[in-house]
Amino acid sequence: MPPHPGYGQPAGPGHQSQQFGHGPAGPGHQSQQFGPGSTAPPVSGSSGMSTGEVVRLVLHVLALLLVALGLSADLDDRDSVLWSDTWTWAGFATLMALAQGAALLPRTVLSGAGWTTGAVGAGGLLLFWTLLMLPLISTNMAFLVTLGTACATAAVLLSPDRKL
């Protein structure tokens, strides 16, 4: 009976052992065979975004959504929303909520002015909040806009391109 390849024994010419043990490279060496059509195993822990980048992305998106919801929804049974009362201020706040997202852009986009544009957007939201939301602070609308403004400010301050 011919010997069958067993633990630690090569199967034939060109075959490398996949077990840990006494392979062709000697004791304690582990080798793997990657034949035609096979790929290397994925490297664990190599995701595209770091935790800080994910947090910043979530904060920027939340800022936009919370400001838009606060301006558009009648949460206080006032039979009106800020868009119908003062559409210019609502438009300003929406524009600033969009601008704060520019801090997400890499330095190469907008000739490096992404963080500055994002900071202007967050500053504009702070101005809007101070002038229009602070007097209405007890309303649900002001609560949502407050959260959105806080998210925008935090996201811009956490940016790696911060210039302050």
C-alpha atoms as a PDB file:
ATOM      1  CA  MET A   1       0.000   0.000   0.000  1.00  0.00           C
ATOM      2  CA  PRO A   2       1.516   3.361  -1.051  1.00  0.00           C
ATOM      3  CA  PRO A   3       1.905   5.933   1.688  1.00  0.00           C
ATOM      4  CA  HIS A   4      -0.922   8.474   1.868  1.00  0.00           C
ATOM      5  CA  PRO A   5      -0.113  12.041   2.619  1.00  0.00           C
ATOM      6  CA  GLY A   6      -0.727  12.596   6.280  1.00  0.00           C
ATOM      7  CA  TYR A   7      -0.224  15.242   8.862  1.00  0.00           C
ATOM      8  CA  GLY A   8       3.007  17.064   8.167  1.00  0.00           C
ATOM      9  CA  GLN A   9       3.850  15.063   5.023  1.00  0.00           C
ATOM     10  CA  PRO A  10       3.770  16.672   1.605  1.00  0.00           C
ATOM     11  CA  ALA A  11       1.278  15.212  -0.879  1.00  0.00           C
ATOM     12  CA  GLY A  12       3.677  15.336  -3.772  1.00  0.00           C
ATOM     13  CA  PRO A  13       5.867  17.640  -5.795  1.00  0.00           C
ATOM     14  CA  GLY A  14       4.856  21.316  -5.675  1.00  0.00           C
ATOM     15  CA  HIS A  15       2.518  20.884  -2.720  1.00  0.00           C
ATOM     16  CA  GLN A  16       3.048  22.923   0.426  1.00  0.00           C
ATOM     17  CA  SER A  17       1.688  21.940   3.775  1.00  0.00           C
ATOM     18  CA  GLN A  18      -1.214  23.930   5.226  1.00  0.00           C
ATOM     19  CA  GLN A  19      -0.763  22.549   8.704  1.00  0.00           C
ATOM     20  CA  PHE A  20       1.315  23.953  11.472  1.00  0.00           C
ATOM     21  CA  GLY A  21       4.132  21.606  12.147  1.00  0.00           C
ATOM     22  CA  HIS A  22       6.982  20.126  10.195  1.00  0.00           C
ATOM     23  CA  GLY A  23       6.388  21.378   6.671  1.00  0.00           C
ATOM     24  CA  PRO A  24       8.943  21.875   3.952  1.00  0.00           C
ATOM     25  CA  ALA A  25      10.368  24.966   5.676  1.00  0.00           C
ATOM     26  CA  GLY A  26      11.117  23.114   8.910  1.00  0.00           C
ATOM     27  CA  PRO A  27       9.577  22.776  12.347  1.00  0.00           C
ATOM     28  CA  GLY A  28       7.290  25.545  13.553  1.00  0.00           C
ATOM     29  CA  HIS A  29       6.769  27.079  10.104  1.00  0.00           C
ATOM     30  CA  GLN A  30       3.280  27.495   8.727  1.00  0.00           C
ATOM     31  CA  SER A  31       2.771  27.838   5.032  1.00  0.00           C
ATOM     32  CA  GLN A  32      -0.361  28.120   2.922  1.00  0.00           C
ATOM     33  CA  GLN A  33      -0.984  27.101  -0.630  1.00  0.00           C
ATOM     34  CA  PHE A  34      -2.535  29.646  -2.947  1.00  0.00           C
ATOM     35  CA  GLY A  35      -3.069  28.038  -6.305  1.00  0.00           C
ATOM     36  CA  PRO A  36      -4.376  29.558  -9.502  1.00  0.00           C
ATOM     37  CA  GLY A  37      -7.672  31.349  -8.975  1.00  0.00           C
ATOM     38  CA  SER A  38      -7.280  31.541  -5.218  1.00  0.00           C
ATOM     39  CA  THR A  39      -6.920  34.819  -3.409  1.00  0.00           C
ATOM     40  CA  ALA A  40      -5.166  35.836  -0.272  1.00  0.00           C
ATOM     41  CA  PRO A  41      -7.334  35.935   2.822  1.00  0.00           C
ATOM     42  CA  PRO A  42      -8.755  39.383   3.688  1.00  0.00           C
ATOM     43  CA  VAL A  43      -6.815  41.423   6.179  1.00  0.00           C
ATOM     44  CA  SER A  44      -8.920  41.934   9.271  1.00  0.00           C
ATOM     45  CA  GLY A  45      -9.324  45.397  10.747  1.00  0.00           C
ATOM     46  CA  SER A  46      -8.799  47.306   7.502  1.00  0.00           C
ATOM     47  CA  SER A  47     -12.043  49.167   6.980  1.00  0.00           C
ATOM     48  CA  GLY A  48     -12.400  52.222   4.796  1.00  0.00           C
ATOM     49  CA  MET A  49     -13.358  54.698   7.520  1.00  0.00           C
ATOM     50  CA  SER A  50     -12.067  55.248  11.018  1.00  0.00           C
ATOM     51  CA  THR A  51     -14.396  55.678  13.975  1.00  0.00           C
ATOM     52  CA  GLY A  52     -13.735  59.419  14.070  1.00  0.00           C
ATOM     53  CA  GLU A  53     -14.711  59.785  10.415  1.00  0.00           C
ATOM     54  CA  VAL A  54     -17.935  57.859  10.981  1.00  0.00           C
ATOM     55  CA  VAL A  55     -18.815  60.043  13.986  1.00  0.00           C
ATOM     56  CA  ARG A  56     -18.187  63.205  11.962  1.00  0.00           C
ATOM     57  CA  LEU A  57     -20.281  61.923   9.065  1.00  0.00           C
ATOM     58  CA  VAL A  58     -23.173  61.039  11.375  1.00  0.00           C
ATOM     59  CA  LEU A  59     -22.988  64.461  13.072  1.00  0.00           C
ATOM     60  CA  HIS A  60     -23.053  66.319   9.740  1.00  0.00           C
ATOM     61  CA  VAL A  61     -26.019  64.300   8.477  1.00  0.00           C
ATOM     62  CA  LEU A  62     -27.891  64.657  11.778  1.00  0.00           C
ATOM     63  CA  ALA A  63     -27.313  68.416  11.719  1.00  0.00           C
ATOM     64  CA  LEU A  64     -28.906  68.744   8.302  1.00  0.00           C
ATOM     65  CA  LEU A  65     -31.825  66.434   9.115  1.00  0.00           C
ATOM     66  CA  LEU A  66     -32.605  67.950  12.515  1.00  0.00           C
ATOM     67  CA  VAL A  67     -32.519  71.541  11.246  1.00  0.00           C
ATOM     68  CA  ALA A  68     -34.692  70.668   8.237  1.00  0.00           C
ATOM     69  CA  LEU A  69     -37.172  68.774  10.424  1.00  0.00           C
ATOM     70  CA  GLY A  70     -37.304  71.569  12.996  1.00  0.00           C
ATOM     71  CA  LEU A  71     -38.009  74.142  10.288  1.00  0.00           C
ATOM     72  CA  SER A  72     -40.529  72.079   8.350  1.00  0.00           C
ATOM     73  CA  ALA A  73     -42.639  70.144  10.866  1.00  0.00           C
ATOM     74  CA  ASP A  74     -45.474  71.612  12.909  1.00  0.00           C
ATOM     75  CA  LEU A  75     -44.565  69.931  16.160  1.00  0.00           C
ATOM     76  CA  ASP A  76     -46.153  72.488  18.480  1.00  0.00           C
ATOM     77  CA  ASP A  77     -49.678  72.712  17.025  1.00  0.00           C
ATOM     78  CA  ARG A  78     -49.149  76.362  16.061  1.00  0.00           C
ATOM     79  CA  ASP A  79     -50.824  75.773  12.666  1.00  0.00           C
ATOM     80  CA  SER A  80     -47.721  77.103  10.949  1.00  0.00           C
ATOM     81  CA  VAL A  81     -44.120  76.232  10.352  1.00  0.00           C
ATOM     82  CA  LEU A  82     -41.132  78.515  10.152  1.00  0.00           C
ATOM     83  CA  TRP A  83     -41.129  78.189   6.361  1.00  0.00           C
ATOM     84  CA  SER A  84     -44.519  79.894   6.151  1.00  0.00           C
ATOM     85  CA  ASP A  85     -43.795  82.459   8.883  1.00  0.00           C
ATOM     86  CA  THR A  86     -40.328  83.645   7.890  1.00  0.00           C
ATOM     87  CA  TRP A  87     -39.234  81.872   4.749  1.00  0.00           C
ATOM     88  CA  THR A  88     -36.087  83.998   4.384  1.00  0.00           C
ATOM     89  CA  TRP A  89     -34.747  82.922   7.787  1.00  0.00           C
ATOM     90  CA  ALA A  90     -35.763  79.342   7.144  1.00  0.00           C
ATOM     91  CA  GLY A  91     -33.942  79.458   3.809  1.00  0.00           C
ATOM     92  CA  PHE A  92     -30.890  80.947   5.500  1.00  0.00           C
ATOM     93  CA  ALA A  93     -30.861  78.191   8.130  1.00  0.00           C
ATOM     94  CA  THR A  94     -31.256  75.492   5.470  1.00  0.00           C
ATOM     95  CA  LEU A  95     -28.429  76.979   3.407  1.00  0.00           C
ATOM     96  CA  MET A  96     -26.184  77.084   6.493  1.00  0.00           C
ATOM     97  CA  ALA A  97     -27.106  73.492   7.374  1.00  0.00           C
ATOM     98  CA  LEU A  98     -26.025  72.459   3.886  1.00  0.00           C
ATOM     99  CA  ALA A  99     -22.833  74.550   4.042  1.00  0.00           C
ATOM    100  CA  GLN A 100     -21.698  72.982   7.315  1.00  0.00           C
ATOM    101  CA  GLY A 101     -21.407  69.668   5.467  1.00  0.00           C
ATOM    102  CA  ALA A 102     -18.558  71.124   3.370  1.00  0.00           C
ATOM    103  CA  ALA A 103     -16.219  70.376   6.279  1.00  0.00           C
ATOM    104  CA  LEU A 104     -16.450  66.718   5.196  1.00  0.00           C
ATOM    105  CA  LEU A 105     -14.796  67.439   1.865  1.00  0.00           C
ATOM    106  CA  PRO A 106     -11.115  66.575   1.478  1.00  0.00           C
ATOM    107  CA  ARG A 107      -8.582  69.392   1.244  1.00  0.00           C
ATOM    108  CA  THR A 108      -8.210  68.970  -2.497  1.00  0.00           C
ATOM    109  CA  VAL A 109     -11.854  69.865  -3.143  1.00  0.00           C
ATOM    110  CA  LEU A 110     -12.775  73.581  -3.134  1.00  0.00           C
ATOM    111  CA  SER A 111      -9.044  74.441  -3.053  1.00  0.00           C
ATOM    112  CA  GLY A 112      -8.866  73.656   0.647  1.00  0.00           C
ATOM    113  CA  ALA A 113     -11.829  75.870   1.604  1.00  0.00           C
ATOM    114  CA  GLY A 114     -14.045  72.970   2.734  1.00  0.00           C
ATOM    115  CA  TRP A 115     -13.419  73.441   6.430  1.00  0.00           C
ATOM    116  CA  THR A 116     -13.835  77.221   6.169  1.00  0.00           C
ATOM    117  CA  THR A 117     -17.154  76.808   4.355  1.00  0.00           C
ATOM    118  CA  GLY A 118     -18.271  74.287   6.981  1.00  0.00           C
ATOM    119  CA  ALA A 119     -17.276  76.663   9.785  1.00  0.00           C
ATOM    120  CA  VAL A 120     -19.242  79.504   8.158  1.00  0.00           C
ATOM    121  CA  GLY A 121     -22.249  77.184   7.928  1.00  0.00           C
ATOM    122  CA  ALA A 122     -22.004  76.199  11.604  1.00  0.00           C
ATOM    123  CA  GLY A 123     -21.510  79.861  12.557  1.00  0.00           C
ATOM    124  CA  GLY A 124     -24.566  80.832  10.525  1.00  0.00           C
ATOM    125  CA  LEU A 125     -26.597  78.180  12.325  1.00  0.00           C
ATOM    126  CA  LEU A 126     -25.389  79.563  15.661  1.00  0.00           C
ATOM    127  CA  LEU A 127     -26.492  83.063  14.569  1.00  0.00           C
ATOM    128  CA  PHE A 128     -29.879  81.750  13.446  1.00  0.00           C
ATOM    129  CA  TRP A 129     -30.295  79.847  16.702  1.00  0.00           C
ATOM    130  CA  THR A 130     -29.406  82.900  18.795  1.00  0.00           C
ATOM    131  CA  LEU A 131     -31.725  85.289  16.963  1.00  0.00           C
ATOM    132  CA  LEU A 132     -34.733  83.096  16.217  1.00  0.00           C
ATOM    133  CA  MET A 133     -34.636  79.891  18.254  1.00  0.00           C
ATOM    134  CA  LEU A 134     -33.478  81.191  21.624  1.00  0.00           C
ATOM    135  CA  PRO A 135     -36.676  83.245  22.147  1.00  0.00           C
ATOM    136  CA  LEU A 136     -38.715  80.102  21.278  1.00  0.00           C
ATOM    137  CA  ILE A 137     -36.560  77.732  23.316  1.00  0.00           C
ATOM    138  CA  SER A 138     -39.523  76.037  25.021  1.00  0.00           C
ATOM    139  CA  THR A 139     -40.895  74.709  21.713  1.00  0.00           C
ATOM    140  CA  ASN A 140     -40.204  71.356  20.116  1.00  0.00           C
ATOM    141  CA  MET A 141     -39.116  73.124  16.934  1.00  0.00           C
ATOM    142  CA  ALA A 142     -36.390  74.989  18.827  1.00  0.00           C
ATOM    143  CA  PHE A 143     -35.280  71.754  20.486  1.00  0.00           C
ATOM    144  CA  LEU A 144     -34.687  70.059  17.129  1.00  0.00           C
ATOM    145  CA  VAL A 145     -32.884  73.087  15.701  1.00  0.00           C
ATOM    146  CA  THR A 146     -30.786  73.286  18.874  1.00  0.00           C
ATOM    147  CA  LEU A 147     -29.735  69.661  18.477  1.00  0.00           C
ATOM    148  CA  GLY A 148     -28.970  70.214  14.789  1.00  0.00           C
ATOM    149  CA  THR A 149     -26.890  73.301  15.554  1.00  0.00           C
ATOM    150  CA  ALA A 150     -24.979  71.446  18.263  1.00  0.00           C
ATOM    151  CA  CYS A 151     -24.289  68.536  15.864  1.00  0.00           C
ATOM    152  CA  ALA A 152     -23.034  70.931  13.179  1.00  0.00           C
ATOM    153  CA  THR A 153     -20.766  72.761  15.602  1.00  0.00           C
ATOM    154  CA  ALA A 154     -19.327  69.530  17.014  1.00  0.00           C
ATOM    155  CA  ALA A 155     -18.783  68.044  13.553  1.00  0.00           C
ATOM    156  CA  VAL A 156     -16.884  71.106  12.328  1.00  0.00           C
ATOM    157  CA  LEU A 157     -14.776  71.254  15.489  1.00  0.00           C
ATOM    158  CA  LEU A 158     -13.887  67.543  15.178  1.00  0.00           C
ATOM    159  CA  SER A 159     -12.651  67.971  11.607  1.00  0.00           C
ATOM    160  CA  PRO A 160      -9.001  67.041  11.042  1.00  0.00           C
ATOM    161  CA  ASP A 161      -8.690  70.111   8.773  1.00  0.00           C
ATOM    162  CA  ARG A 162      -9.693  72.463  11.602  1.00  0.00           C
ATOM    163  CA  LYS A 163      -7.915  75.793  11.475  1.00  0.00           C
ATOM    164  CA  LEU A 164      -8.716  77.065  14.973  1.00  0.00           C
END
